[in-house]
Amino acid sequence: MDSTSQLARDFAQRLRDVISESTQLGYTPANFEKMLDEQGAVNLAKKLVKSGEIQTGLKAVANLKRKDLAVESIMIESKFKSLFSADELKAAAWRLEQV
C-alpha cells in the first residue's frame, strides 16, 4: 500500500470524524455524508473547492464558530496538503476567508 492511498484513507476518516463532531454540535451534514460515500473524500473535496458557490455546510460550521470542521480547513492541514494541488489549496483558503 502506498503512502498516498493511506493518506487519502486518513483524510476520509478525518472527514467522517468531523461529521460526527458537527452532528454533536447540532449540525447534521447528511448531504455531505452521502456525497462522501458516493465520490470519495479527495474527489469530493476537490469538487467542492472548484465550485463557485460557498456551500451551506461551510456556512453552517462558520456560524458555529468552528471553521476547523470545514473540509477546506482539513485540506490545508499540513498532513493532508500533498493530496491537493496548489490551486486547490488556494481555493480552500479563499473560501474560508469568505465566511
Protein backbone atom coordinates (compact mmCIF):
# COMPACT_ATOMS: atom_id res chain seq x y z
CA MET A 1 0.00 0.00 0.00
CA ASP A 2 1.46 3.34 -0.94
CA SER A 3 1.54 6.34 1.36
CA THR A 4 -0.78 8.42 -0.84
CA SER A 5 -3.61 5.91 -0.64
CA GLN A 6 -3.11 5.62 3.13
CA LEU A 7 -3.17 9.41 3.39
CA ALA A 8 -6.38 9.51 1.33
CA ARG A 9 -7.93 6.99 3.73
CA ASP A 10 -6.78 9.09 6.69
CA PHE A 11 -8.36 12.15 5.06
CA ALA A 12 -11.65 10.27 4.59
CA GLN A 13 -11.59 9.15 8.22
CA ARG A 14 -10.90 12.73 9.35
CA LEU A 15 -13.96 13.91 7.39
CA ARG A 16 -16.09 11.19 8.98
CA ASP A 17 -14.87 12.31 12.42
CA VAL A 18 -15.86 15.88 11.53
CA ILE A 19 -19.34 14.69 10.51
CA SER A 20 -19.73 13.11 13.96
CA GLU A 21 -18.48 16.20 15.73
CA SER A 22 -20.71 18.51 13.67
CA THR A 23 -23.71 16.32 14.46
CA GLN A 24 -22.94 16.56 18.18
CA LEU A 25 -22.88 20.36 17.80
CA GLY A 26 -26.34 20.36 16.23
CA TYR A 27 -25.50 20.45 12.51
CA THR A 28 -26.02 17.19 10.61
CA PRO A 29 -24.32 17.30 7.19
CA ALA A 30 -26.42 14.49 5.68
CA ASN A 31 -25.91 15.57 2.05
CA PHE A 32 -22.18 15.83 2.60
CA GLU A 33 -22.07 12.35 4.10
CA LYS A 34 -23.97 10.95 1.11
CA MET A 35 -21.61 12.67 -1.34
CA LEU A 36 -18.62 11.40 0.64
CA ASP A 37 -19.88 7.82 0.28
CA GLU A 38 -20.53 8.27 -3.45
CA GLN A 39 -17.50 10.26 -4.57
CA GLY A 40 -14.74 9.57 -2.08
CA ALA A 41 -13.11 12.11 0.20
CA VAL A 42 -10.37 13.55 -2.00
CA ASN A 43 -12.55 13.80 -5.12
CA LEU A 44 -15.33 15.42 -3.13
CA ALA A 45 -13.02 17.96 -1.54
CA LYS A 46 -11.58 18.90 -4.95
CA LYS A 47 -15.07 19.26 -6.41
CA LEU A 48 -16.29 21.45 -3.54
CA VAL A 49 -13.43 23.93 -3.76
CA LYS A 50 -13.77 24.22 -7.54
CA SER A 51 -17.42 25.18 -7.11
CA GLY A 52 -18.04 28.90 -7.32
CA GLU A 53 -20.57 28.87 -4.51
CA ILE A 54 -20.00 28.67 -0.78
CA GLN A 55 -21.82 25.52 0.35
CA THR A 56 -24.31 25.52 3.19
CA GLY A 57 -22.05 23.19 5.19
CA LEU A 58 -19.21 25.68 5.21
CA LYS A 59 -21.62 28.42 6.25
CA ALA A 60 -23.06 26.16 8.97
CA VAL A 61 -19.71 25.37 10.61
CA ALA A 62 -18.68 29.02 10.29
CA ASN A 63 -21.88 30.00 12.12
CA LEU A 64 -20.94 27.52 14.85
CA LYS A 65 -17.57 29.34 15.06
CA ARG A 66 -15.92 26.05 14.05
CA LYS A 67 -14.31 26.65 10.68
CA ASP A 68 -11.81 24.00 11.75
CA LEU A 69 -14.56 21.48 10.92
CA ALA A 70 -14.77 22.61 7.29
CA VAL A 71 -13.43 20.40 4.51
CA GLU A 72 -11.39 23.40 3.39
CA SER A 73 -9.65 23.63 6.78
CA ILE A 74 -8.79 19.95 6.74
CA MET A 75 -7.45 20.18 3.18
CA ILE A 76 -4.92 22.82 4.21
CA GLU A 77 -3.72 20.94 7.31
CA SER A 78 -0.06 20.13 6.79
CA LYS A 79 -0.74 16.38 6.96
CA PHE A 80 -3.16 16.46 4.01
CA LYS A 81 -1.79 19.25 1.78
CA SER A 82 0.05 16.82 -0.50
CA LEU A 83 -3.29 15.35 -1.68
CA PHE A 84 -4.19 18.63 -3.39
CA SER A 85 -2.77 21.00 -5.99
CA ALA A 86 -1.56 24.47 -5.11
CA ASP A 87 -4.64 25.93 -6.84
CA GLU A 88 -6.98 23.70 -4.84
CA LEU A 89 -5.30 24.72 -1.58
CA LYS A 90 -5.51 28.37 -2.59
CA ALA A 91 -9.21 27.96 -3.37
CA ALA A 92 -9.77 26.28 0.01
CA ALA A 93 -8.08 29.15 1.86
CA TRP A 94 -10.04 31.72 -0.14
CA ARG A 95 -13.35 30.01 0.69
CA LEU A 96 -12.51 30.03 4.40
CA GLU A 97 -11.85 33.76 4.21
CA GLN A 98 -15.27 34.34 2.61
CA VAL A 99 -17.30 33.02 5.56
